N, C-alpha and C. Protein backbone atom coordinates (compact mmCIF):
# COMPACT_ATOMS: atom_id res chain seq x y z
N GLN A 1 -16.71 -1.02 44.77
CA GLN A 1 -17.15 0.04 43.85
C GLN A 1 -15.99 0.61 43.04
N PHE A 2 -14.83 0.61 43.67
CA PHE A 2 -13.67 1.19 42.96
C PHE A 2 -13.36 0.42 41.67
N PRO A 3 -13.29 -0.94 41.72
CA PRO A 3 -13.03 -1.68 40.48
C PRO A 3 -14.07 -1.40 39.41
N GLN A 4 -15.36 -1.27 39.82
CA GLN A 4 -16.41 -0.98 38.84
C GLN A 4 -16.22 0.39 38.21
N ALA A 5 -15.87 1.35 39.04
CA ALA A 5 -15.63 2.71 38.53
C ALA A 5 -14.44 2.72 37.58
N TRP A 6 -13.41 1.98 37.98
CA TRP A 6 -12.21 1.91 37.12
C TRP A 6 -12.53 1.25 35.79
N GLN A 7 -13.35 0.17 35.85
CA GLN A 7 -13.75 -0.53 34.64
C GLN A 7 -14.57 0.38 33.73
N ALA A 8 -15.46 1.14 34.34
CA ALA A 8 -16.30 2.06 33.56
C ALA A 8 -15.45 3.13 32.87
N GLN A 9 -14.45 3.64 33.60
CA GLN A 9 -13.55 4.64 33.02
C GLN A 9 -12.75 4.04 31.87
N THR A 10 -12.29 2.80 32.06
CA THR A 10 -11.52 2.12 31.02
C THR A 10 -12.35 1.90 29.77
N GLU A 11 -13.60 1.45 29.96
CA GLU A 11 -14.49 1.23 28.82
C GLU A 11 -14.80 2.54 28.11
N ALA A 12 -14.99 3.59 28.86
CA ALA A 12 -15.27 4.90 28.26
C ALA A 12 -14.07 5.39 27.45
N ALA A 13 -12.87 5.18 28.00
CA ALA A 13 -11.65 5.59 27.30
C ALA A 13 -11.48 4.79 26.01
N THR A 14 -11.78 3.48 26.09
CA THR A 14 -11.67 2.62 24.91
C THR A 14 -12.66 3.05 23.83
N GLN A 15 -13.89 3.34 24.24
CA GLN A 15 -14.91 3.79 23.28
C GLN A 15 -14.53 5.13 22.67
N SER A 16 -13.98 6.02 23.51
CA SER A 16 -13.55 7.32 23.00
C SER A 16 -12.42 7.17 21.98
N GLN A 17 -11.48 6.26 22.26
CA GLN A 17 -10.37 6.01 21.35
C GLN A 17 -10.88 5.41 20.04
N ALA A 18 -11.83 4.48 20.14
CA ALA A 18 -12.39 3.85 18.94
C ALA A 18 -13.12 4.89 18.09
N LYS A 19 -13.86 5.78 18.75
CA LYS A 19 -14.58 6.84 18.03
C LYS A 19 -13.59 7.77 17.32
N LYS A 20 -12.51 8.10 18.01
CA LYS A 20 -11.48 8.97 17.43
C LYS A 20 -10.84 8.32 16.22
N GLN A 21 -10.56 7.01 16.32
CA GLN A 21 -9.96 6.29 15.20
C GLN A 21 -10.91 6.24 14.01
N ARG A 22 -12.21 6.05 14.27
CA ARG A 22 -13.19 6.02 13.18
C ARG A 22 -13.22 7.36 12.46
N GLU A 23 -13.19 8.43 13.23
CA GLU A 23 -13.21 9.77 12.62
C GLU A 23 -11.95 10.01 11.80
N GLN A 24 -10.81 9.58 12.35
CA GLN A 24 -9.55 9.75 11.63
C GLN A 24 -9.52 8.89 10.37
N PHE A 25 -10.09 7.67 10.45
CA PHE A 25 -10.16 6.82 9.27
C PHE A 25 -11.00 7.46 8.18
N GLN A 26 -12.15 8.02 8.56
CA GLN A 26 -13.02 8.67 7.58
C GLN A 26 -12.30 9.83 6.89
N LYS A 27 -11.55 10.57 7.68
CA LYS A 27 -10.79 11.69 7.11
C LYS A 27 -9.70 11.18 6.18
N LEU A 28 -8.97 10.13 6.59
CA LEU A 28 -7.91 9.56 5.76
C LEU A 28 -8.49 8.95 4.50
N SER A 29 -9.61 8.27 4.64
CA SER A 29 -10.26 7.65 3.49
C SER A 29 -10.64 8.70 2.44
N ALA A 30 -11.16 9.82 2.91
CA ALA A 30 -11.54 10.90 1.99
C ALA A 30 -10.32 11.49 1.30
N THR A 31 -9.21 11.61 2.05
CA THR A 31 -7.97 12.14 1.47
C THR A 31 -7.43 11.20 0.40
N LEU A 32 -7.45 9.89 0.69
CA LEU A 32 -6.98 8.91 -0.28
C LEU A 32 -7.83 8.94 -1.54
N HIS A 33 -9.12 9.14 -1.35
CA HIS A 33 -10.04 9.20 -2.48
C HIS A 33 -9.70 10.34 -3.43
N GLU A 34 -9.15 11.41 -2.88
CA GLU A 34 -8.84 12.60 -3.69
C GLU A 34 -7.46 12.57 -4.32
N CYS A 35 -6.63 11.60 -3.95
CA CYS A 35 -5.27 11.54 -4.50
C CYS A 35 -5.29 11.32 -6.00
N SER A 36 -4.53 12.13 -6.72
CA SER A 36 -4.56 12.08 -8.18
C SER A 36 -3.33 11.38 -8.78
N SER A 37 -2.37 10.98 -7.94
CA SER A 37 -1.19 10.30 -8.46
C SER A 37 -0.82 9.16 -7.53
N LEU A 38 -0.09 8.19 -8.07
CA LEU A 38 0.31 7.03 -7.29
C LEU A 38 1.23 7.43 -6.15
N ASP A 39 2.21 8.28 -6.42
CA ASP A 39 3.14 8.71 -5.38
C ASP A 39 2.42 9.40 -4.23
N ARG A 40 1.49 10.26 -4.56
CA ARG A 40 0.71 10.97 -3.56
C ARG A 40 -0.12 9.99 -2.72
N LEU A 41 -0.74 9.04 -3.37
CA LEU A 41 -1.56 8.05 -2.68
C LEU A 41 -0.73 7.25 -1.68
N LEU A 42 0.43 6.76 -2.11
CA LEU A 42 1.27 5.94 -1.24
C LEU A 42 1.83 6.75 -0.09
N ASN A 43 2.23 7.99 -0.37
CA ASN A 43 2.81 8.84 0.66
C ASN A 43 1.78 9.19 1.74
N VAL A 44 0.57 9.53 1.31
CA VAL A 44 -0.49 9.86 2.27
C VAL A 44 -0.84 8.64 3.12
N ALA A 45 -0.96 7.48 2.48
CA ALA A 45 -1.34 6.26 3.20
C ALA A 45 -0.33 5.91 4.28
N THR A 46 0.96 5.92 3.94
CA THR A 46 1.97 5.53 4.93
C THR A 46 2.15 6.59 6.02
N THR A 47 2.17 7.84 5.63
CA THR A 47 2.39 8.92 6.60
C THR A 47 1.25 9.01 7.61
N GLU A 48 0.03 9.02 7.11
CA GLU A 48 -1.12 9.20 7.99
C GLU A 48 -1.39 7.95 8.83
N LEU A 49 -1.18 6.78 8.25
CA LEU A 49 -1.42 5.55 9.00
C LEU A 49 -0.37 5.38 10.10
N GLN A 50 0.85 5.79 9.82
CA GLN A 50 1.91 5.70 10.84
C GLN A 50 1.56 6.57 12.05
N LYS A 51 1.01 7.75 11.79
CA LYS A 51 0.60 8.63 12.89
C LYS A 51 -0.64 8.09 13.58
N LEU A 52 -1.58 7.60 12.80
CA LEU A 52 -2.85 7.12 13.34
C LEU A 52 -2.67 5.94 14.30
N LEU A 53 -1.73 5.03 13.95
CA LEU A 53 -1.51 3.84 14.77
C LEU A 53 -0.31 3.98 15.70
N SER A 54 0.33 5.15 15.68
CA SER A 54 1.55 5.37 16.49
C SER A 54 2.56 4.26 16.22
N ALA A 55 2.74 3.93 14.96
CA ALA A 55 3.64 2.84 14.55
C ALA A 55 5.07 3.35 14.38
N ASP A 56 6.03 2.47 14.58
CA ASP A 56 7.42 2.85 14.33
C ASP A 56 7.67 3.00 12.83
N ARG A 57 6.99 2.17 12.03
CA ARG A 57 7.18 2.25 10.58
C ARG A 57 5.95 1.69 9.86
N VAL A 58 5.56 2.35 8.77
CA VAL A 58 4.54 1.83 7.87
C VAL A 58 5.12 1.87 6.46
N VAL A 59 5.00 0.77 5.74
CA VAL A 59 5.53 0.71 4.38
C VAL A 59 4.48 0.17 3.42
N VAL A 60 4.67 0.51 2.15
CA VAL A 60 3.94 -0.15 1.07
C VAL A 60 4.97 -0.94 0.28
N TYR A 61 4.70 -2.20 0.13
CA TYR A 61 5.58 -3.15 -0.57
C TYR A 61 4.89 -3.55 -1.87
N ARG A 62 5.58 -3.37 -2.99
CA ARG A 62 4.99 -3.71 -4.29
C ARG A 62 5.68 -4.95 -4.87
N PHE A 63 4.89 -5.93 -5.24
CA PHE A 63 5.44 -7.16 -5.81
C PHE A 63 6.04 -6.90 -7.19
N GLN A 64 7.24 -7.44 -7.41
CA GLN A 64 7.86 -7.43 -8.73
C GLN A 64 7.67 -8.77 -9.42
N ASN A 65 7.60 -9.81 -8.63
CA ASN A 65 7.23 -11.15 -9.12
C ASN A 65 6.51 -11.85 -7.97
N SER A 66 6.24 -13.13 -8.10
CA SER A 66 5.39 -13.80 -7.12
C SER A 66 6.02 -13.94 -5.74
N LYS A 67 7.36 -13.81 -5.65
CA LYS A 67 8.01 -14.04 -4.37
C LYS A 67 8.94 -12.92 -3.92
N SER A 68 8.94 -11.82 -4.64
CA SER A 68 9.85 -10.73 -4.29
C SER A 68 9.24 -9.39 -4.70
N GLY A 69 9.73 -8.34 -4.05
CA GLY A 69 9.23 -7.02 -4.37
C GLY A 69 10.09 -5.92 -3.78
N THR A 70 9.58 -4.69 -3.83
CA THR A 70 10.34 -3.52 -3.42
C THR A 70 9.50 -2.64 -2.49
N ILE A 71 10.15 -2.05 -1.50
CA ILE A 71 9.48 -1.06 -0.65
C ILE A 71 9.37 0.23 -1.46
N VAL A 72 8.15 0.63 -1.81
CA VAL A 72 7.96 1.80 -2.67
C VAL A 72 7.54 3.05 -1.90
N SER A 73 7.16 2.88 -0.64
CA SER A 73 6.80 4.04 0.19
C SER A 73 7.03 3.68 1.65
N GLU A 74 7.45 4.69 2.44
CA GLU A 74 7.78 4.42 3.83
C GLU A 74 7.60 5.67 4.67
N SER A 75 7.02 5.49 5.85
CA SER A 75 6.97 6.55 6.85
C SER A 75 7.40 5.93 8.17
N MET A 76 8.35 6.55 8.86
CA MET A 76 8.90 5.94 10.07
C MET A 76 9.37 6.99 11.06
N VAL A 77 9.49 6.59 12.30
CA VAL A 77 10.10 7.45 13.30
C VAL A 77 11.61 7.40 13.11
N SER A 78 12.31 8.40 13.63
CA SER A 78 13.76 8.44 13.47
C SER A 78 14.44 7.40 14.36
N GLY A 79 15.64 7.05 13.98
CA GLY A 79 16.42 6.14 14.81
C GLY A 79 16.53 4.73 14.28
N PHE A 80 15.85 4.45 13.15
CA PHE A 80 15.90 3.11 12.57
C PHE A 80 16.37 3.16 11.13
N THR A 81 16.77 2.03 10.60
CA THR A 81 17.32 1.96 9.25
C THR A 81 16.22 2.08 8.21
N PRO A 82 16.27 3.09 7.32
CA PRO A 82 15.25 3.23 6.28
C PRO A 82 15.27 2.03 5.34
N SER A 83 14.08 1.65 4.86
CA SER A 83 13.99 0.50 3.96
C SER A 83 13.45 0.85 2.58
N ARG A 84 13.09 2.11 2.37
CA ARG A 84 12.52 2.49 1.08
C ARG A 84 13.51 2.20 -0.05
N GLY A 85 12.99 1.55 -1.10
CA GLY A 85 13.83 1.19 -2.24
C GLY A 85 14.46 -0.18 -2.12
N ALA A 86 14.38 -0.76 -0.93
CA ALA A 86 15.01 -2.08 -0.72
C ALA A 86 14.21 -3.17 -1.41
N LYS A 87 14.94 -4.09 -2.05
CA LYS A 87 14.31 -5.27 -2.65
C LYS A 87 14.33 -6.38 -1.60
N ILE A 88 13.15 -6.88 -1.25
CA ILE A 88 13.02 -7.79 -0.12
C ILE A 88 12.16 -9.00 -0.52
N PRO A 89 12.55 -10.20 -0.09
CA PRO A 89 11.72 -11.38 -0.36
C PRO A 89 10.36 -11.25 0.33
N ALA A 90 9.33 -11.74 -0.32
CA ALA A 90 7.97 -11.65 0.24
C ALA A 90 7.86 -12.36 1.58
N THR A 91 8.64 -13.40 1.77
CA THR A 91 8.55 -14.19 3.00
C THR A 91 8.86 -13.38 4.26
N CYS A 92 9.55 -12.25 4.10
CA CYS A 92 9.89 -11.42 5.27
C CYS A 92 8.66 -10.74 5.88
N PHE A 93 7.53 -10.79 5.20
CA PHE A 93 6.31 -10.19 5.75
C PHE A 93 5.30 -11.24 6.17
N GLY A 94 5.75 -12.51 6.22
CA GLY A 94 4.91 -13.53 6.85
C GLY A 94 4.36 -14.62 5.97
N ALA A 95 4.41 -14.47 4.66
CA ALA A 95 3.96 -15.52 3.74
C ALA A 95 4.95 -15.62 2.60
N ASP A 96 4.96 -16.75 1.91
CA ASP A 96 6.03 -17.03 0.95
C ASP A 96 5.82 -16.43 -0.44
N SER A 97 4.57 -16.15 -0.81
CA SER A 97 4.32 -15.74 -2.19
C SER A 97 3.02 -14.95 -2.30
N ILE A 98 2.79 -14.38 -3.47
CA ILE A 98 1.54 -13.67 -3.75
C ILE A 98 0.35 -14.57 -3.46
N GLN A 99 0.44 -15.82 -3.91
CA GLN A 99 -0.67 -16.75 -3.73
C GLN A 99 -1.00 -16.95 -2.25
N GLN A 100 0.04 -17.04 -1.41
CA GLN A 100 -0.18 -17.23 0.02
C GLN A 100 -0.80 -15.99 0.66
N TYR A 101 -0.36 -14.80 0.24
CA TYR A 101 -0.96 -13.57 0.79
C TYR A 101 -2.42 -13.45 0.38
N ARG A 102 -2.71 -13.87 -0.85
CA ARG A 102 -4.10 -13.84 -1.31
C ARG A 102 -4.96 -14.80 -0.49
N LYS A 103 -4.40 -15.95 -0.17
CA LYS A 103 -5.13 -16.97 0.58
C LYS A 103 -5.29 -16.59 2.05
N GLN A 104 -4.22 -16.08 2.65
CA GLN A 104 -4.23 -15.80 4.09
C GLN A 104 -4.88 -14.47 4.45
N GLY A 105 -4.76 -13.49 3.55
CA GLY A 105 -5.26 -12.16 3.89
C GLY A 105 -4.33 -11.49 4.89
N VAL A 106 -4.82 -11.21 6.07
CA VAL A 106 -4.02 -10.55 7.10
C VAL A 106 -2.99 -11.51 7.67
N VAL A 107 -1.73 -11.04 7.77
CA VAL A 107 -0.68 -11.78 8.46
C VAL A 107 -0.27 -10.96 9.68
N ASN A 108 -0.51 -11.50 10.85
CA ASN A 108 -0.26 -10.79 12.10
C ASN A 108 0.86 -11.49 12.86
N ILE A 109 2.04 -10.89 12.87
CA ILE A 109 3.21 -11.47 13.55
C ILE A 109 3.47 -10.68 14.82
N ARG A 110 3.10 -11.25 15.94
CA ARG A 110 3.21 -10.56 17.23
C ARG A 110 4.65 -10.40 17.70
N ASP A 111 5.49 -11.39 17.33
CA ASP A 111 6.90 -11.34 17.74
C ASP A 111 7.72 -12.05 16.66
N VAL A 112 8.51 -11.26 15.92
CA VAL A 112 9.31 -11.79 14.81
C VAL A 112 10.24 -12.92 15.28
N ALA A 113 10.79 -12.78 16.49
CA ALA A 113 11.76 -13.75 16.99
C ALA A 113 11.14 -15.13 17.20
N LYS A 114 9.81 -15.17 17.39
CA LYS A 114 9.13 -16.44 17.68
C LYS A 114 8.36 -16.99 16.47
N TRP A 115 8.47 -16.33 15.33
CA TRP A 115 7.66 -16.71 14.17
C TRP A 115 8.22 -17.93 13.43
N GLY A 116 9.53 -18.11 13.47
CA GLY A 116 10.15 -19.22 12.76
C GLY A 116 10.63 -18.86 11.36
N PHE A 117 11.11 -17.63 11.19
CA PHE A 117 11.65 -17.21 9.90
C PHE A 117 12.94 -17.98 9.60
N SER A 118 13.27 -18.07 8.32
CA SER A 118 14.55 -18.66 7.93
C SER A 118 15.68 -17.74 8.38
N PRO A 119 16.91 -18.26 8.53
CA PRO A 119 18.04 -17.41 8.92
C PRO A 119 18.22 -16.21 7.98
N TYR A 120 17.99 -16.42 6.67
CA TYR A 120 18.16 -15.33 5.71
C TYR A 120 17.11 -14.24 5.95
N ALA A 121 15.85 -14.65 6.11
CA ALA A 121 14.78 -13.67 6.37
C ALA A 121 15.02 -12.97 7.70
N GLN A 122 15.45 -13.71 8.70
CA GLN A 122 15.71 -13.14 10.01
C GLN A 122 16.80 -12.08 9.93
N GLN A 123 17.78 -12.33 9.09
CA GLN A 123 18.88 -11.37 8.92
C GLN A 123 18.36 -10.05 8.33
N ILE A 124 17.47 -10.16 7.36
CA ILE A 124 16.89 -8.96 6.75
C ILE A 124 16.03 -8.20 7.76
N LEU A 125 15.23 -8.92 8.51
CA LEU A 125 14.37 -8.29 9.52
C LEU A 125 15.21 -7.59 10.59
N GLU A 126 16.30 -8.21 10.98
CA GLU A 126 17.19 -7.59 11.97
C GLU A 126 17.85 -6.34 11.41
N LYS A 127 18.17 -6.37 10.13
CA LYS A 127 18.80 -5.20 9.49
C LYS A 127 17.92 -3.96 9.62
N TYR A 128 16.59 -4.16 9.50
CA TYR A 128 15.65 -3.04 9.59
C TYR A 128 14.97 -2.97 10.96
N GLN A 129 15.51 -3.68 11.94
CA GLN A 129 15.06 -3.64 13.34
C GLN A 129 13.57 -3.96 13.49
N ILE A 130 13.05 -4.86 12.69
CA ILE A 130 11.62 -5.18 12.74
C ILE A 130 11.37 -6.23 13.82
N ARG A 131 10.54 -5.86 14.82
CA ARG A 131 10.28 -6.74 15.95
C ARG A 131 8.89 -7.40 15.87
N SER A 132 7.94 -6.71 15.29
CA SER A 132 6.61 -7.28 15.06
C SER A 132 5.99 -6.55 13.86
N LEU A 133 5.00 -7.18 13.22
CA LEU A 133 4.41 -6.57 12.03
C LEU A 133 3.03 -7.14 11.74
N VAL A 134 2.27 -6.35 11.00
CA VAL A 134 1.00 -6.81 10.43
C VAL A 134 1.02 -6.42 8.96
N SER A 135 0.76 -7.39 8.08
CA SER A 135 0.73 -7.10 6.65
C SER A 135 -0.64 -7.45 6.07
N VAL A 136 -1.11 -6.60 5.16
CA VAL A 136 -2.42 -6.76 4.53
C VAL A 136 -2.25 -6.59 3.02
N PRO A 137 -2.79 -7.48 2.21
CA PRO A 137 -2.63 -7.36 0.76
C PRO A 137 -3.43 -6.19 0.18
N ILE A 138 -2.85 -5.57 -0.84
CA ILE A 138 -3.52 -4.54 -1.63
C ILE A 138 -3.82 -5.15 -2.99
N PHE A 139 -5.07 -5.09 -3.41
CA PHE A 139 -5.48 -5.72 -4.66
C PHE A 139 -5.70 -4.67 -5.75
N VAL A 140 -5.40 -5.05 -6.99
CA VAL A 140 -5.77 -4.28 -8.16
C VAL A 140 -6.29 -5.27 -9.19
N GLU A 141 -7.55 -5.09 -9.59
CA GLU A 141 -8.20 -6.00 -10.54
C GLU A 141 -8.12 -7.45 -10.05
N GLU A 142 -8.39 -7.62 -8.76
CA GLU A 142 -8.47 -8.94 -8.11
C GLU A 142 -7.13 -9.66 -8.04
N GLN A 143 -6.05 -8.98 -8.33
CA GLN A 143 -4.71 -9.53 -8.19
C GLN A 143 -3.97 -8.81 -7.06
N VAL A 144 -3.12 -9.54 -6.34
CA VAL A 144 -2.36 -8.90 -5.26
C VAL A 144 -1.29 -8.00 -5.87
N TRP A 145 -1.47 -6.71 -5.70
CA TRP A 145 -0.54 -5.70 -6.23
C TRP A 145 0.65 -5.50 -5.29
N GLY A 146 0.35 -5.53 -3.98
CA GLY A 146 1.39 -5.29 -2.99
C GLY A 146 0.86 -5.51 -1.58
N LEU A 147 1.59 -4.99 -0.61
CA LEU A 147 1.22 -5.15 0.79
C LEU A 147 1.29 -3.80 1.51
N LEU A 148 0.37 -3.60 2.42
CA LEU A 148 0.43 -2.49 3.37
C LEU A 148 0.88 -3.09 4.69
N VAL A 149 2.01 -2.61 5.22
CA VAL A 149 2.65 -3.27 6.36
C VAL A 149 2.91 -2.26 7.49
N VAL A 150 2.44 -2.61 8.68
CA VAL A 150 2.72 -1.84 9.88
C VAL A 150 3.77 -2.58 10.70
N GLN A 151 4.84 -1.90 11.09
CA GLN A 151 5.94 -2.55 11.80
C GLN A 151 6.26 -1.84 13.11
N GLN A 152 6.65 -2.61 14.09
CA GLN A 152 7.19 -2.07 15.33
C GLN A 152 8.67 -2.45 15.42
N CYS A 153 9.49 -1.49 15.82
CA CYS A 153 10.93 -1.70 15.83
C CYS A 153 11.55 -1.61 17.23
N LYS A 154 10.96 -0.83 18.10
CA LYS A 154 11.52 -0.69 19.45
C LYS A 154 11.38 -2.00 20.22
N LYS A 155 10.17 -2.59 20.14
CA LYS A 155 9.88 -3.84 20.82
C LYS A 155 8.65 -4.46 20.16
N PRO A 156 8.44 -5.77 20.34
CA PRO A 156 7.22 -6.38 19.79
C PRO A 156 5.98 -5.73 20.39
N GLN A 157 5.01 -5.44 19.52
CA GLN A 157 3.78 -4.81 19.99
C GLN A 157 2.59 -5.40 19.25
N PRO A 158 1.89 -6.33 19.88
CA PRO A 158 0.70 -6.91 19.25
C PRO A 158 -0.34 -5.83 18.97
N ARG A 159 -1.02 -5.96 17.84
CA ARG A 159 -2.04 -4.99 17.45
C ARG A 159 -3.43 -5.49 17.86
N HIS A 160 -4.26 -4.55 18.33
CA HIS A 160 -5.63 -4.89 18.69
C HIS A 160 -6.44 -5.19 17.43
N GLU A 161 -7.51 -5.92 17.60
CA GLU A 161 -8.36 -6.27 16.47
C GLU A 161 -8.90 -5.03 15.77
N SER A 162 -9.24 -4.01 16.54
CA SER A 162 -9.76 -2.78 15.95
C SER A 162 -8.72 -2.11 15.06
N GLU A 163 -7.44 -2.18 15.46
CA GLU A 163 -6.37 -1.59 14.68
C GLU A 163 -6.15 -2.37 13.39
N ILE A 164 -6.24 -3.69 13.48
CA ILE A 164 -6.08 -4.53 12.29
C ILE A 164 -7.24 -4.30 11.32
N ASN A 165 -8.45 -4.16 11.86
CA ASN A 165 -9.60 -3.86 11.01
C ASN A 165 -9.42 -2.53 10.29
N LEU A 166 -8.87 -1.56 11.00
CA LEU A 166 -8.59 -0.25 10.41
C LEU A 166 -7.59 -0.39 9.26
N LEU A 167 -6.56 -1.18 9.48
CA LEU A 167 -5.54 -1.41 8.46
C LEU A 167 -6.15 -2.05 7.22
N VAL A 168 -7.04 -3.03 7.43
CA VAL A 168 -7.72 -3.68 6.32
C VAL A 168 -8.57 -2.68 5.53
N GLN A 169 -9.26 -1.81 6.24
CA GLN A 169 -10.11 -0.81 5.58
C GLN A 169 -9.28 0.16 4.75
N ILE A 170 -8.12 0.55 5.28
CA ILE A 170 -7.24 1.45 4.52
C ILE A 170 -6.71 0.76 3.27
N ALA A 171 -6.35 -0.52 3.40
CA ALA A 171 -5.88 -1.28 2.23
C ALA A 171 -6.98 -1.38 1.19
N GLN A 172 -8.22 -1.55 1.62
CA GLN A 172 -9.35 -1.61 0.69
C GLN A 172 -9.56 -0.27 0.00
N GLN A 173 -9.40 0.82 0.75
CA GLN A 173 -9.52 2.15 0.15
C GLN A 173 -8.42 2.39 -0.86
N MET A 174 -7.21 1.92 -0.55
CA MET A 174 -6.10 2.04 -1.49
C MET A 174 -6.38 1.24 -2.76
N THR A 175 -7.00 0.07 -2.60
CA THR A 175 -7.37 -0.74 -3.76
C THR A 175 -8.29 0.05 -4.68
N LEU A 176 -9.31 0.68 -4.10
CA LEU A 176 -10.25 1.48 -4.90
C LEU A 176 -9.54 2.63 -5.60
N SER A 177 -8.66 3.31 -4.86
CA SER A 177 -7.95 4.46 -5.42
C SER A 177 -6.99 4.04 -6.52
N LEU A 178 -6.29 2.92 -6.32
CA LEU A 178 -5.37 2.43 -7.34
C LEU A 178 -6.11 2.04 -8.61
N GLN A 179 -7.27 1.43 -8.44
CA GLN A 179 -8.05 1.03 -9.62
C GLN A 179 -8.57 2.25 -10.36
N ARG A 180 -8.94 3.29 -9.62
CA ARG A 180 -9.35 4.53 -10.29
C ARG A 180 -8.18 5.15 -11.02
N ALA A 181 -6.99 5.15 -10.38
CA ALA A 181 -5.80 5.73 -11.00
C ALA A 181 -5.44 4.97 -12.27
N LYS A 182 -5.55 3.64 -12.19
CA LYS A 182 -5.25 2.83 -13.37
C LYS A 182 -6.24 3.12 -14.48
N PHE A 183 -7.51 3.30 -14.12
CA PHE A 183 -8.54 3.61 -15.10
C PHE A 183 -8.26 4.95 -15.76
N ARG A 184 -7.84 5.94 -14.93
CA ARG A 184 -7.52 7.25 -15.48
C ARG A 184 -6.35 7.16 -16.46
N ARG A 185 -5.34 6.35 -16.10
CA ARG A 185 -4.20 6.19 -17.01
C ARG A 185 -4.64 5.55 -18.32
N GLN A 186 -5.55 4.58 -18.23
CA GLN A 186 -6.04 3.93 -19.43
C GLN A 186 -6.79 4.92 -20.32
N LEU A 187 -7.61 5.77 -19.67
CA LEU A 187 -8.34 6.79 -20.42
C LEU A 187 -7.38 7.78 -21.07
N GLN A 188 -6.33 8.16 -20.32
CA GLN A 188 -5.36 9.10 -20.84
C GLN A 188 -4.62 8.50 -22.03
N GLN A 189 -4.22 7.23 -21.89
CA GLN A 189 -3.52 6.56 -22.99
C GLN A 189 -4.42 6.44 -24.22
N GLN A 190 -5.72 6.13 -23.97
CA GLN A 190 -6.65 6.01 -25.08
C GLN A 190 -6.84 7.36 -25.76
N SER A 191 -6.90 8.43 -24.94
CA SER A 191 -7.05 9.77 -25.50
C SER A 191 -5.84 10.15 -26.35
N GLU A 192 -4.65 9.81 -25.86
CA GLU A 192 -3.43 10.09 -26.63
C GLU A 192 -3.42 9.33 -27.94
N GLN A 193 -3.86 8.08 -27.91
CA GLN A 193 -3.92 7.28 -29.14
C GLN A 193 -4.92 7.87 -30.12
N ASP A 194 -6.07 8.33 -29.57
CA ASP A 194 -7.08 8.94 -30.44
C ASP A 194 -6.55 10.21 -31.08
N ASN A 195 -5.77 10.99 -30.32
CA ASN A 195 -5.20 12.22 -30.88
C ASN A 195 -4.21 11.90 -31.99
N ILE A 196 -3.41 10.86 -31.80
CA ILE A 196 -2.45 10.46 -32.83
C ILE A 196 -3.18 10.05 -34.11
N VAL A 197 -4.24 9.25 -33.95
CA VAL A 197 -5.01 8.80 -35.11
C VAL A 197 -5.66 9.99 -35.81
N SER A 198 -6.19 10.94 -35.03
CA SER A 198 -6.83 12.12 -35.63
C SER A 198 -5.84 12.94 -36.43
N ARG A 199 -4.63 13.14 -35.86
CA ARG A 199 -3.60 13.90 -36.58
C ARG A 199 -3.19 13.17 -37.85
N LEU A 200 -3.10 11.84 -37.76
CA LEU A 200 -2.71 11.06 -38.93
C LEU A 200 -3.76 11.18 -40.04
N ILE A 201 -5.03 11.07 -39.67
CA ILE A 201 -6.10 11.19 -40.66
C ILE A 201 -6.08 12.58 -41.31
N GLU A 202 -5.85 13.60 -40.48
CA GLU A 202 -5.81 14.97 -41.00
C GLU A 202 -4.67 15.15 -41.99
N LYS A 203 -3.51 14.58 -41.69
CA LYS A 203 -2.36 14.68 -42.59
C LYS A 203 -2.61 13.93 -43.89
N ILE A 204 -3.26 12.77 -43.77
CA ILE A 204 -3.56 11.98 -44.96
C ILE A 204 -4.52 12.73 -45.87
N GLN A 205 -5.50 13.37 -45.26
CA GLN A 205 -6.48 14.12 -46.05
C GLN A 205 -5.83 15.30 -46.77
N ARG A 206 -4.75 15.85 -46.20
CA ARG A 206 -4.06 16.99 -46.82
C ARG A 206 -2.98 16.56 -47.80
N ALA A 207 -2.66 15.27 -47.80
CA ALA A 207 -1.55 14.79 -48.64
C ALA A 207 -1.90 14.92 -50.12
N PRO A 208 -0.95 15.42 -50.95
CA PRO A 208 -1.23 15.67 -52.37
C PRO A 208 -1.18 14.41 -53.23
N ASP A 209 -0.45 13.34 -52.77
CA ASP A 209 -0.34 12.15 -53.60
C ASP A 209 -0.15 10.90 -52.73
N THR A 210 -0.13 9.74 -53.39
CA THR A 210 -0.03 8.45 -52.69
C THR A 210 1.29 8.29 -51.97
N ASP A 211 2.40 8.75 -52.57
CA ASP A 211 3.72 8.62 -51.93
C ASP A 211 3.77 9.39 -50.61
N THR A 212 3.20 10.57 -50.60
CA THR A 212 3.18 11.38 -49.38
C THR A 212 2.36 10.70 -48.30
N ILE A 213 1.22 10.10 -48.68
CA ILE A 213 0.38 9.36 -47.71
C ILE A 213 1.18 8.21 -47.10
N PHE A 214 1.92 7.49 -47.94
CA PHE A 214 2.70 6.36 -47.47
C PHE A 214 3.76 6.81 -46.47
N ARG A 215 4.50 7.89 -46.81
CA ARG A 215 5.55 8.39 -45.94
C ARG A 215 4.97 8.89 -44.61
N THR A 216 3.84 9.57 -44.68
CA THR A 216 3.20 10.10 -43.47
C THR A 216 2.78 8.97 -42.54
N THR A 217 2.21 7.93 -43.10
CA THR A 217 1.74 6.79 -42.31
C THR A 217 2.91 6.09 -41.63
N CYS A 218 4.03 5.90 -42.34
CA CYS A 218 5.19 5.24 -41.79
C CYS A 218 5.82 6.07 -40.66
N GLN A 219 5.84 7.39 -40.83
CA GLN A 219 6.44 8.27 -39.84
C GLN A 219 5.63 8.24 -38.54
N GLU A 220 4.31 8.25 -38.66
CA GLU A 220 3.45 8.27 -37.49
C GLU A 220 3.43 6.92 -36.78
């Protein structure tokens, strides 16, 4: 009876933890939805996800080209080397290029030492004390914009399927938020262009002669 009781307690604890994570995800998802700037969005995603998963480090990596990019946001526990702003080859997160991340989706590296990284990539990973990681692509307009990466630095720590699913859902929410932000920027740019055209038309209408119209048009 004791093993059965212990199993029941374990299952109850697991269900309680899963319920708690779902509630926290819903709260984080709502917060991301309300973010009005890119910096705010990235900061909230990394900070809250790092706490939610008790991770040593969570970063957002933005591609600069198909095989390289920059850490644009980071939340981490103290005691490890910060990586924000670092330019890092894409291969350090488990795949060689944007195309491979698009094809593979989730990259789950349970132990960096056993993955088979090149000596150069291994050197970079050691610099930032990365022992295990999970990376998930972030899409904007169906293109891989960057990666959301959870890292463990103290020791390798495999992630449960539920945690990986949570990470995927957060990356999907970030995709939606980024696309809304991009849409807002497009609307703002269009509005600014419309204002310029309106001012130009108004000046032309007030211009006393053809030479003035020409000068006004060239200046604008």
